[in-house]
Amino acid sequence: MKTIIQFRNWPLFVFSLLFLAVVAITISACETEPGEGPTEEDFTNLLTNQVDEVIIPTMEDYQNKMNDLVDAFNDFNTTTDANNLTGLRTAYHQAYTSYQAAAVHNYFATANQALVTTSNLYPVDLALLENLIDTESYNFSTTAQERANGFPAIDYMLYGPADVLDYFNDDPKTLAFLSALINSMKAKAAVLATQWDGSLRGNFIENGGTALGSSLSVQLNESLVYYEDHVRENKVGIPIGRLGPLDSPITPDPTKIEGYYQSQVDGNEDFTLSLVEEAIKEMEDIYLGTTSTGTDGQGYDDLLNVRGQSSVDSDIKAQFTAIYNEISNRSSISGDDGLYLAVQALVTLFKSDLFPVLNVQDADGLNDGD
């Protein structure tokens, strides 16, 4: 005889089981272990701090410095003398320095405006530059003019000629070109500041999660791609003859540095090294979430520590310090590979330690984090 179990209160029994299951699932979802992927809500404070205290102030500072550069040029254009040349060079230094931070955020609006390719591809092509000036036919947004554009072109014009004042006074076309160049750069800076502080701000904050395409993933991946391409390789690797990610040897060319013509006039690469340092500082500001007033805000270091990964945080912070030490202890980019190795070590820490802890996929797919 089969035993038949009957539940007189069957609906209540089913409800109780469902209730217990829901409770168990809820508890499990709330218990996030160190290293597990966080929910989208975890990143609201981080993304708000990044856009309000890191990105937007950086873009606004670049806009202000470009405004100052245009003002200094207008003075120089009115009276082309040694005093105004000094003022123009100073404004150029400040704008070029500010650009270093803005360029690190080479994603979303910044990438769409092609800030990097129109502002800082070096070395400058002198034959192209001279032809553009002579023919008065220039378009600062075209790829054909990328090698006679931006700060490298200004570097040559303010430091390259044997007599800079004669260079400008003898040919009005040089002043016309420089005016058009820096005004185009000023316009781009204004657009970037407006776009980042406009609708993009809300979209950046609301685009949570760690999936490819999320703000967190884009910021980490694209800033690191910029760091690899334009800091590790262009600023450091190419001049000393090393090219990542496979570290392929190439012919060293110490002339392929930022501010090359100024370095020839000054007899040192102090300004060049300062530009490298500014780019590193912006990478560190992203990581720490450093606010516009210099205080410690919500950054990626906080995400590591809340997940019990303080040792990874300590390693990354120590590597930033190691890079600064390399910069301060040298007089040129070339000489040895110490700076290159220090810069590369940060790539390794990001890809091998930071990304996996935050459950962020390495979007470029290059095996250069080992």
Protein backbone atom coordinates (compact mmCIF):
# COMPACT_ATOMS: atom_id res chain seq x y z
CA MET A 1 0.00 0.00 0.00
CA LYS A 2 1.35 3.40 -0.96
CA THR A 3 1.58 6.04 1.72
CA ILE A 4 0.06 9.29 0.59
CA ILE A 5 1.14 12.44 2.42
CA GLN A 6 -1.47 15.14 2.36
CA PHE A 7 -0.97 18.81 3.28
CA ARG A 8 -4.18 20.33 4.49
CA ASN A 9 -2.67 23.82 4.30
CA TRP A 10 -0.83 23.35 1.02
CA PRO A 11 -0.93 27.01 -0.11
CA LEU A 12 0.58 28.13 3.21
CA PHE A 13 3.30 25.47 2.92
CA VAL A 14 4.29 26.63 -0.57
CA PHE A 15 4.29 30.25 0.52
CA SER A 16 6.60 29.42 3.44
CA LEU A 17 9.09 27.67 1.16
CA LEU A 18 9.12 30.58 -1.26
CA PHE A 19 9.58 33.05 1.57
CA LEU A 20 12.59 31.14 2.93
CA ALA A 21 14.12 30.92 -0.53
CA VAL A 22 13.78 34.66 -1.08
CA VAL A 23 15.36 35.37 2.31
CA ALA A 24 18.29 33.06 1.53
CA ILE A 25 18.88 34.67 -1.85
CA THR A 26 18.73 38.16 -0.35
CA ILE A 27 21.25 37.31 2.35
CA SER A 28 23.56 35.73 -0.19
CA ALA A 29 23.39 38.80 -2.43
CA CYS A 30 24.24 41.10 0.44
CA GLU A 31 27.28 39.12 1.52
CA THR A 32 29.92 40.40 -0.91
CA GLU A 33 33.28 38.84 -0.20
CA PRO A 34 36.52 40.72 -0.85
CA GLY A 35 37.39 40.49 -4.53
CA GLU A 36 33.85 39.81 -5.74
CA GLY A 37 32.32 42.09 -8.35
CA PRO A 38 30.33 44.97 -6.79
CA THR A 39 26.88 46.12 -7.89
CA GLU A 40 26.23 49.21 -9.96
CA GLU A 41 25.19 51.15 -6.85
CA ASP A 42 28.67 50.71 -5.40
CA PHE A 43 30.11 53.11 -7.97
CA THR A 44 27.82 56.13 -7.71
CA ASN A 45 30.08 57.98 -5.28
CA LEU A 46 33.20 57.00 -7.20
CA LEU A 47 31.90 58.12 -10.59
CA THR A 48 30.46 61.34 -9.16
CA ASN A 49 33.80 62.20 -7.60
CA GLN A 50 35.70 61.29 -10.75
CA VAL A 51 33.66 63.52 -13.03
CA ASP A 52 33.09 66.43 -10.61
CA GLU A 53 36.48 66.56 -8.91
CA VAL A 54 38.93 65.02 -11.38
CA ILE A 55 37.69 65.27 -14.97
CA ILE A 56 35.71 68.52 -15.10
CA PRO A 57 38.26 70.60 -13.11
CA THR A 58 40.98 69.27 -15.41
CA MET A 59 39.06 70.31 -18.52
CA GLU A 60 38.23 73.71 -17.03
CA ASP A 61 41.85 74.32 -16.13
CA TYR A 62 42.93 73.46 -19.67
CA GLN A 63 40.30 75.83 -21.03
CA ASN A 64 41.55 78.62 -18.77
CA LYS A 65 45.17 78.03 -19.72
CA MET A 66 44.31 78.09 -23.42
CA ASN A 67 42.46 81.38 -22.88
CA ASP A 68 45.60 82.74 -21.23
CA LEU A 69 47.71 81.53 -24.14
CA VAL A 70 45.52 83.38 -26.64
CA ASP A 71 45.73 86.54 -24.53
CA ALA A 72 49.53 86.28 -24.38
CA PHE A 73 49.68 85.77 -28.13
CA ASN A 74 47.52 88.86 -28.72
CA ASP A 75 50.01 90.93 -26.73
CA PHE A 76 52.88 89.43 -28.73
CA ASN A 77 51.03 90.05 -31.99
CA THR A 78 50.53 93.69 -31.08
CA THR A 79 54.11 94.25 -29.98
CA THR A 80 56.50 91.54 -31.11
CA ASP A 81 59.32 92.12 -28.66
CA ALA A 82 61.40 90.17 -26.13
CA ASN A 83 59.18 91.02 -23.17
CA ASN A 84 56.02 89.71 -24.85
CA LEU A 85 57.90 86.69 -26.16
CA THR A 86 58.72 85.79 -22.57
CA GLY A 87 55.06 86.15 -21.63
CA LEU A 88 54.00 84.02 -24.59
CA ARG A 89 56.49 81.29 -23.69
CA THR A 90 55.27 81.26 -20.09
CA ALA A 91 51.63 80.91 -21.18
CA TYR A 92 52.66 78.14 -23.58
CA HIS A 93 54.39 76.27 -20.75
CA GLN A 94 51.31 76.49 -18.57
CA ALA A 95 48.94 75.39 -21.33
CA TYR A 96 51.17 72.46 -22.36
CA THR A 97 51.41 71.38 -18.72
CA SER A 98 47.63 71.57 -18.26
CA TYR A 99 47.12 69.62 -21.49
CA GLN A 100 48.99 66.64 -20.01
CA ALA A 101 46.19 66.05 -17.49
CA ALA A 102 43.36 66.64 -19.96
CA ALA A 103 44.83 64.19 -22.46
CA VAL A 104 44.87 61.31 -19.95
CA HIS A 105 41.05 61.37 -20.09
CA ASN A 106 41.12 60.34 -23.74
CA TYR A 107 37.62 58.88 -23.79
CA PHE A 108 34.04 59.96 -24.47
CA ALA A 109 34.06 63.71 -25.31
CA THR A 110 37.85 64.03 -25.30
CA ALA A 111 38.35 61.21 -27.78
CA ASN A 112 35.49 62.51 -29.95
CA GLN A 113 37.19 65.90 -30.16
CA ALA A 114 40.48 64.21 -31.17
CA LEU A 115 42.35 66.23 -28.55
CA VAL A 116 45.47 64.08 -28.59
CA THR A 117 45.95 63.72 -32.33
CA THR A 118 45.39 67.44 -32.99
CA SER A 119 47.43 68.73 -30.08
CA ASN A 120 50.50 66.61 -29.37
CA LEU A 121 51.85 64.32 -32.07
CA TYR A 122 55.58 64.79 -32.21
CA PRO A 123 58.17 65.26 -33.61
CA VAL A 124 56.89 68.10 -35.74
CA ASP A 125 57.25 67.77 -39.52
CA LEU A 126 59.15 70.99 -40.31
CA ALA A 127 58.76 70.72 -44.08
CA LEU A 128 54.99 70.37 -43.69
CA LEU A 129 54.84 73.19 -41.15
CA GLU A 130 56.79 75.58 -43.35
CA ASN A 131 54.63 74.72 -46.36
CA LEU A 132 51.42 75.35 -44.42
CA ILE A 133 52.69 78.70 -43.21
CA ASP A 134 53.86 79.74 -46.66
CA THR A 135 50.71 78.68 -48.52
CA GLU A 136 48.41 79.89 -45.74
CA SER A 137 46.42 76.73 -46.32
CA TYR A 138 45.79 74.97 -43.05
CA ASN A 139 43.04 72.98 -41.42
CA PHE A 140 43.85 72.00 -37.86
CA SER A 141 41.24 69.23 -37.77
CA THR A 142 42.58 67.13 -40.64
CA THR A 143 44.81 64.11 -40.26
CA ALA A 144 47.03 65.50 -43.03
CA GLN A 145 48.16 68.26 -40.68
CA GLU A 146 48.63 66.20 -37.51
CA ARG A 147 52.41 66.42 -37.65
CA ALA A 148 52.39 70.20 -37.95
CA ASN A 149 49.87 70.94 -35.26
CA GLY A 150 49.38 71.69 -31.60
CA PHE A 151 52.08 72.11 -28.99
CA PRO A 152 54.94 70.59 -31.02
CA ALA A 153 54.40 73.25 -33.70
CA ILE A 154 54.36 75.97 -31.03
CA ASP A 155 57.54 74.53 -29.50
CA TYR A 156 59.35 74.95 -32.81
CA MET A 157 58.00 78.42 -33.54
CA LEU A 158 58.92 79.78 -30.09
CA TYR A 159 62.30 78.05 -29.75
CA GLY A 160 63.45 76.59 -33.07
CA PRO A 161 64.48 79.59 -35.19
CA ALA A 162 67.95 81.05 -34.65
CA ASP A 163 66.34 84.42 -33.88
CA VAL A 164 62.71 83.99 -32.84
CA LEU A 165 61.82 87.69 -33.00
CA ASP A 166 63.21 88.00 -36.53
CA TYR A 167 61.33 84.82 -37.49
CA PHE A 168 58.02 86.47 -36.63
CA ASN A 169 58.84 90.05 -37.60
CA ASP A 170 60.22 89.14 -41.03
CA ASP A 171 57.18 87.14 -42.13
CA PRO A 172 53.65 88.10 -41.08
CA LYS A 173 52.46 84.67 -42.21
CA THR A 174 54.09 83.12 -39.14
CA LEU A 175 51.97 85.24 -36.80
CA ALA A 176 48.86 84.44 -38.84
CA PHE A 177 49.52 80.72 -38.58
CA LEU A 178 50.25 80.84 -34.84
CA SER A 179 47.10 82.88 -34.27
CA ALA A 180 44.94 80.40 -36.16
CA LEU A 181 46.59 77.45 -34.40
CA ILE A 182 46.17 78.54 -30.82
CA ASN A 183 42.66 79.87 -31.43
CA SER A 184 41.65 76.48 -32.83
CA MET A 185 43.13 74.84 -29.71
CA LYS A 186 41.27 77.32 -27.50
CA ALA A 187 37.99 76.49 -29.26
CA LYS A 188 38.53 72.76 -28.75
CA ALA A 189 39.28 73.29 -25.06
CA ALA A 190 36.03 75.23 -24.66
CA VAL A 191 34.00 72.48 -26.33
CA LEU A 192 35.54 69.84 -24.07
CA ALA A 193 34.78 71.80 -20.90
CA THR A 194 31.18 72.34 -22.02
CA GLN A 195 30.56 68.74 -23.03
CA TRP A 196 32.03 67.19 -19.88
CA ASP A 197 30.08 69.60 -17.67
CA GLY A 198 26.89 69.11 -19.68
CA SER A 199 24.80 66.02 -20.37
CA LEU A 200 27.88 63.80 -20.36
CA ARG A 201 28.27 64.36 -16.62
CA GLY A 202 24.96 62.66 -15.79
CA ASN A 203 25.53 59.90 -18.31
CA PHE A 204 28.96 59.19 -16.84
CA ILE A 205 27.57 58.83 -13.30
CA GLU A 206 24.57 56.73 -14.32
CA ASN A 207 26.56 54.34 -16.50
CA GLY A 208 27.42 51.97 -13.62
CA GLY A 209 28.72 48.45 -13.42
CA THR A 210 32.03 46.99 -14.58
CA ALA A 211 31.04 45.60 -17.97
CA LEU A 212 32.81 46.82 -21.10
CA GLY A 213 31.27 50.16 -21.97
CA SER A 214 30.50 51.13 -18.39
CA SER A 215 32.04 54.39 -17.21
CA LEU A 216 34.32 52.60 -14.78
CA SER A 217 35.57 50.18 -17.42
CA VAL A 218 36.02 52.91 -20.02
CA GLN A 219 37.89 55.22 -17.64
CA LEU A 220 40.27 52.54 -16.43
CA ASN A 221 40.86 50.97 -19.83
CA GLU A 222 41.15 54.10 -21.93
CA SER A 223 43.31 56.04 -19.48
CA LEU A 224 45.61 53.03 -19.31
CA VAL A 225 45.71 52.73 -23.11
CA TYR A 226 46.68 56.42 -23.25
CA TYR A 227 49.29 55.79 -20.58
CA GLU A 228 50.78 52.87 -22.52
CA ASP A 229 50.76 54.58 -25.92
CA HIS A 230 51.61 58.16 -25.04
CA VAL A 231 53.53 57.93 -21.76
CA ARG A 232 55.34 54.59 -21.80
CA GLU A 233 56.02 54.54 -25.54
CA ASN A 234 55.95 58.08 -26.98
CA LYS A 235 57.31 60.01 -24.01
CA VAL A 236 59.85 57.45 -22.78
CA GLY A 237 60.23 54.30 -24.88
CA ILE A 238 60.80 55.69 -28.37
CA PRO A 239 63.56 58.14 -27.33
CA ILE A 240 65.50 55.35 -25.58
CA GLY A 241 64.78 52.65 -28.16
CA ARG A 242 62.17 50.47 -26.45
CA LEU A 243 58.66 49.87 -27.65
CA GLY A 244 55.94 47.96 -25.75
CA PRO A 245 53.91 45.90 -25.14
CA LEU A 246 56.43 43.26 -26.28
CA ASP A 247 59.27 45.65 -25.49
CA SER A 248 60.65 45.37 -29.02
CA PRO A 249 64.02 47.09 -29.50
CA ILE A 250 64.04 50.00 -31.94
CA THR A 251 66.68 52.55 -32.90
CA PRO A 252 66.90 55.14 -30.09
CA ASP A 253 66.08 58.71 -31.10
CA PRO A 254 66.53 61.24 -28.28
CA THR A 255 65.17 64.00 -30.54
CA LYS A 256 61.68 62.50 -30.39
CA ILE A 257 60.66 64.13 -27.13
CA GLU A 258 58.15 66.77 -26.10
CA GLY A 259 59.57 70.27 -26.05
CA TYR A 260 62.60 69.21 -28.09
CA TYR A 261 63.43 72.68 -29.43
CA GLN A 262 63.15 74.25 -26.00
CA SER A 263 65.47 71.57 -24.64
CA GLN A 264 68.06 72.63 -27.22
CA VAL A 265 67.80 76.26 -26.15
CA ASP A 266 67.76 75.50 -22.43
CA GLY A 267 70.48 72.86 -22.61
CA ASN A 268 68.42 70.44 -20.52
CA GLU A 269 65.20 68.40 -20.61
CA ASP A 270 63.72 69.74 -17.41
CA PHE A 271 60.54 70.94 -19.10
CA THR A 272 60.21 67.66 -21.00
CA LEU A 273 60.48 65.66 -17.77
CA SER A 274 57.94 67.94 -16.09
CA LEU A 275 55.41 67.08 -18.81
CA VAL A 276 55.93 63.36 -18.18
CA GLU A 277 55.41 63.95 -14.48
CA GLU A 278 52.15 65.84 -15.05
CA ALA A 279 50.72 62.91 -17.02
CA ILE A 280 51.70 60.52 -14.21
CA LYS A 281 50.09 62.82 -11.64
CA GLU A 282 46.77 62.70 -13.47
CA MET A 283 46.89 58.91 -13.56
CA GLU A 284 47.47 59.01 -9.82
CA ASP A 285 44.62 61.49 -9.31
CA ILE A 286 42.28 59.09 -11.09
CA TYR A 287 43.46 56.21 -8.94
CA LEU A 288 43.18 58.14 -5.66
CA GLY A 289 40.14 60.20 -6.62
CA THR A 290 42.03 63.36 -5.64
CA THR A 291 39.64 66.32 -5.55
CA SER A 292 40.15 69.69 -7.19
CA THR A 293 41.30 71.08 -3.82
CA GLY A 294 43.88 68.32 -3.43
CA THR A 295 42.05 66.29 -0.81
CA ASP A 296 41.52 62.53 -0.85
CA GLY A 297 38.20 61.68 -2.52
CA GLN A 298 36.52 58.45 -3.54
CA GLY A 299 38.99 56.60 -5.76
CA TYR A 300 39.95 53.16 -6.96
CA ASP A 301 42.21 52.76 -3.94
CA ASP A 302 39.08 52.82 -1.76
CA LEU A 303 37.51 50.02 -3.81
CA LEU A 304 40.61 47.89 -3.27
CA ASN A 305 40.69 48.47 0.47
CA VAL A 306 37.00 47.73 1.01
CA ARG A 307 37.62 44.42 -0.75
CA GLY A 308 40.47 43.53 1.55
CA GLN A 309 43.18 44.25 -1.04
CA SER A 310 45.26 46.78 0.87
CA SER A 311 48.49 45.13 -0.28
CA VAL A 312 47.59 45.80 -3.94
CA ASP A 313 46.79 49.40 -3.03
CA SER A 314 50.14 49.75 -1.27
CA ASP A 315 51.99 48.30 -4.29
CA ILE A 316 50.32 50.73 -6.70
CA LYS A 317 50.99 53.76 -4.50
CA ALA A 318 54.60 52.68 -4.08
CA GLN A 319 54.98 52.42 -7.86
CA PHE A 320 53.76 55.97 -8.39
CA THR A 321 56.41 57.08 -5.90
CA ALA A 322 59.05 55.04 -7.75
CA ILE A 323 58.18 56.79 -11.03
CA TYR A 324 58.44 60.23 -9.43
CA ASN A 325 61.81 59.29 -7.97
CA GLU A 326 63.06 58.22 -11.40
CA ILE A 327 61.95 61.53 -12.89
CA SER A 328 63.52 63.65 -10.15
CA ASN A 329 66.82 61.75 -10.29
CA ARG A 330 67.51 62.26 -13.99
CA SER A 331 68.27 65.16 -16.31
CA SER A 332 66.97 63.63 -19.55
CA ILE A 333 64.63 60.97 -20.87
CA SER A 334 67.57 59.06 -22.32
CA GLY A 335 70.53 57.62 -20.44
CA ASP A 336 69.15 54.39 -19.00
CA ASP A 337 65.92 52.42 -18.94
CA GLY A 338 65.05 53.07 -15.30
CA LEU A 339 62.15 55.42 -16.05
CA TYR A 340 60.80 53.14 -18.77
CA LEU A 341 60.80 50.13 -16.43
CA ALA A 342 59.14 52.11 -13.64
CA VAL A 343 56.41 53.32 -16.00
CA GLN A 344 55.85 49.78 -17.33
CA ALA A 345 55.61 48.33 -13.82
CA LEU A 346 52.46 50.38 -13.22
CA VAL A 347 50.85 48.78 -16.30
CA THR A 348 51.59 45.38 -14.81
CA LEU A 349 50.01 46.29 -11.47
CA PHE A 350 46.88 47.66 -13.10
CA LYS A 351 46.31 44.75 -15.45
CA SER A 352 47.39 41.90 -13.18
CA ASP A 353 46.05 43.16 -9.85
CA LEU A 354 43.69 46.15 -10.02
CA PHE A 355 41.56 45.01 -12.95
CA PRO A 356 40.91 41.45 -11.70
CA VAL A 357 39.99 42.62 -8.18
CA LEU A 358 37.43 45.05 -9.62
CA ASN A 359 36.19 42.48 -12.15
CA VAL A 360 37.16 44.77 -15.03
CA GLN A 361 38.13 43.18 -18.34
CA ASP A 362 41.32 44.33 -20.03
CA ALA A 363 39.71 45.75 -23.16
CA ASP A 364 42.80 46.00 -25.37
CA GLY A 365 43.45 42.27 -25.07
CA LEU A 366 47.21 42.70 -25.00
CA ASN A 367 49.16 40.30 -22.83
CA ASP A 368 51.42 42.99 -21.40
CA GLY A 369 50.45 42.91 -17.75
CA ASP A 370 52.63 40.00 -16.68
